[in-house]
Amino acid sequence: MQIILDRPRCEGHGLCEEAAPHLMHLDDEGELVLDQETVEGPDADAAKAAVRICPVAALRLA
């Protein structure tokens, strides 16, 4: 499964980072950085949670 970020849509709320801190983080400018784009196993559950919690739907899974 792959995490896809719609960068223009992302507003840097950071809720996804709280849900999956080992998969993504906000940089010093408040831009989301995906530390891991391809996920499987337990990481897939964290990625699903990050996608669900994003208030602007900037993340999706494919």
C-alpha atoms as a PDB file:
ATOM      1  CA  MET A   1       0.000   0.000   0.000  1.00  0.00           C
ATOM      2  CA  GLN A   2       1.287   3.481  -0.816  1.00  0.00           C
ATOM      3  CA  ILE A   3       0.630   6.785   0.981  1.00  0.00           C
ATOM      4  CA  ILE A   4      -0.118   9.593  -1.466  1.00  0.00           C
ATOM      5  CA  LEU A   5       0.140  13.222  -0.352  1.00  0.00           C
ATOM      6  CA  ASP A   6      -1.768  16.005  -2.110  1.00  0.00           C
ATOM      7  CA  ARG A   7       0.755  18.667  -1.111  1.00  0.00           C
ATOM      8  CA  PRO A   8      -1.260  21.739  -2.240  1.00  0.00           C
ATOM      9  CA  ARG A   9      -4.194  20.550  -0.108  1.00  0.00           C
ATOM     10  CA  CYS A  10      -2.091  19.966   3.038  1.00  0.00           C
ATOM     11  CA  GLU A  11      -2.442  22.791   5.586  1.00  0.00           C
ATOM     12  CA  GLY A  12       0.088  21.436   8.093  1.00  0.00           C
ATOM     13  CA  HIS A  13      -2.320  20.655  10.951  1.00  0.00           C
ATOM     14  CA  GLY A  14      -0.073  17.777  12.050  1.00  0.00           C
ATOM     15  CA  LEU A  15      -2.824  15.369  13.093  1.00  0.00           C
ATOM     16  CA  CYS A  16      -1.467  12.770  10.675  1.00  0.00           C
ATOM     17  CA  GLU A  17       1.946  13.078  12.285  1.00  0.00           C
ATOM     18  CA  GLU A  18       0.380  12.336  15.668  1.00  0.00           C
ATOM     19  CA  ALA A  19      -1.364   9.267  14.240  1.00  0.00           C
ATOM     20  CA  ALA A  20       1.708   7.913  12.438  1.00  0.00           C
ATOM     21  CA  PRO A  21       4.901   9.642  13.666  1.00  0.00           C
ATOM     22  CA  HIS A  22       7.151   6.906  12.293  1.00  0.00           C
ATOM     23  CA  LEU A  23       5.693   7.375   8.793  1.00  0.00           C
ATOM     24  CA  MET A  24       5.563  11.176   8.445  1.00  0.00           C
ATOM     25  CA  HIS A  25       6.522  14.450  10.100  1.00  0.00           C
ATOM     26  CA  LEU A  26       6.195  18.196   9.657  1.00  0.00           C
ATOM     27  CA  ASP A  27       9.450  19.936   8.743  1.00  0.00           C
ATOM     28  CA  ASP A  28      10.610  23.317  10.102  1.00  0.00           C
ATOM     29  CA  GLU A  29       8.411  25.155   7.576  1.00  0.00           C
ATOM     30  CA  GLY A  30       5.317  23.146   8.518  1.00  0.00           C
ATOM     31  CA  GLU A  31       5.401  21.043   5.335  1.00  0.00           C
ATOM     32  CA  LEU A  32       4.517  17.379   5.627  1.00  0.00           C
ATOM     33  CA  VAL A  33       7.337  14.978   4.789  1.00  0.00           C
ATOM     34  CA  LEU A  34       6.609  11.315   4.175  1.00  0.00           C
ATOM     35  CA  ASP A  35       9.359   9.269   5.817  1.00  0.00           C
ATOM     36  CA  GLN A  36       7.919   6.083   4.369  1.00  0.00           C
ATOM     37  CA  GLU A  37       5.635   6.017   1.339  1.00  0.00           C
ATOM     38  CA  THR A  38       5.114   2.273   1.020  1.00  0.00           C
ATOM     39  CA  VAL A  39       3.524   0.604   4.041  1.00  0.00           C
ATOM     40  CA  GLU A  40       2.454  -2.890   5.016  1.00  0.00           C
ATOM     41  CA  GLY A  41       1.585  -4.823   8.137  1.00  0.00           C
ATOM     42  CA  PRO A  42       1.212  -2.760  11.319  1.00  0.00           C
ATOM     43  CA  ASP A  43       2.333   0.384   9.488  1.00  0.00           C
ATOM     44  CA  ALA A  44      -0.704   0.075   7.224  1.00  0.00           C
ATOM     45  CA  ASP A  45      -3.010   0.539  10.219  1.00  0.00           C
ATOM     46  CA  ALA A  46      -1.149   3.690  11.255  1.00  0.00           C
ATOM     47  CA  ALA A  47      -1.306   5.001   7.679  1.00  0.00           C
ATOM     48  CA  LYS A  48      -5.062   4.362   7.547  1.00  0.00           C
ATOM     49  CA  ALA A  49      -5.484   6.289  10.800  1.00  0.00           C
ATOM     50  CA  ALA A  50      -3.454   9.208   9.418  1.00  0.00           C
ATOM     51  CA  VAL A  51      -5.592   9.298   6.271  1.00  0.00           C
ATOM     52  CA  ARG A  52      -8.827   9.220   8.299  1.00  0.00           C
ATOM     53  CA  ILE A  53      -7.770  11.977  10.699  1.00  0.00           C
ATOM     54  CA  CYS A  54      -6.620  14.514   8.081  1.00  0.00           C
ATOM     55  CA  PRO A  55      -9.162  17.382   8.227  1.00  0.00           C
ATOM     56  CA  VAL A  56      -8.492  18.469   4.631  1.00  0.00           C
ATOM     57  CA  ALA A  57      -8.187  15.005   3.016  1.00  0.00           C
ATOM     58  CA  ALA A  58      -4.626  15.643   1.856  1.00  0.00           C
ATOM     59  CA  LEU A  59      -3.642  11.987   2.258  1.00  0.00           C
ATOM     60  CA  ARG A  60      -4.933   8.857   0.573  1.00  0.00           C
ATOM     61  CA  LEU A  61      -3.858   5.250   0.180  1.00  0.00           C
ATOM     62  CA  ALA A  62      -3.435   3.389  -3.086  1.00  0.00           C
END
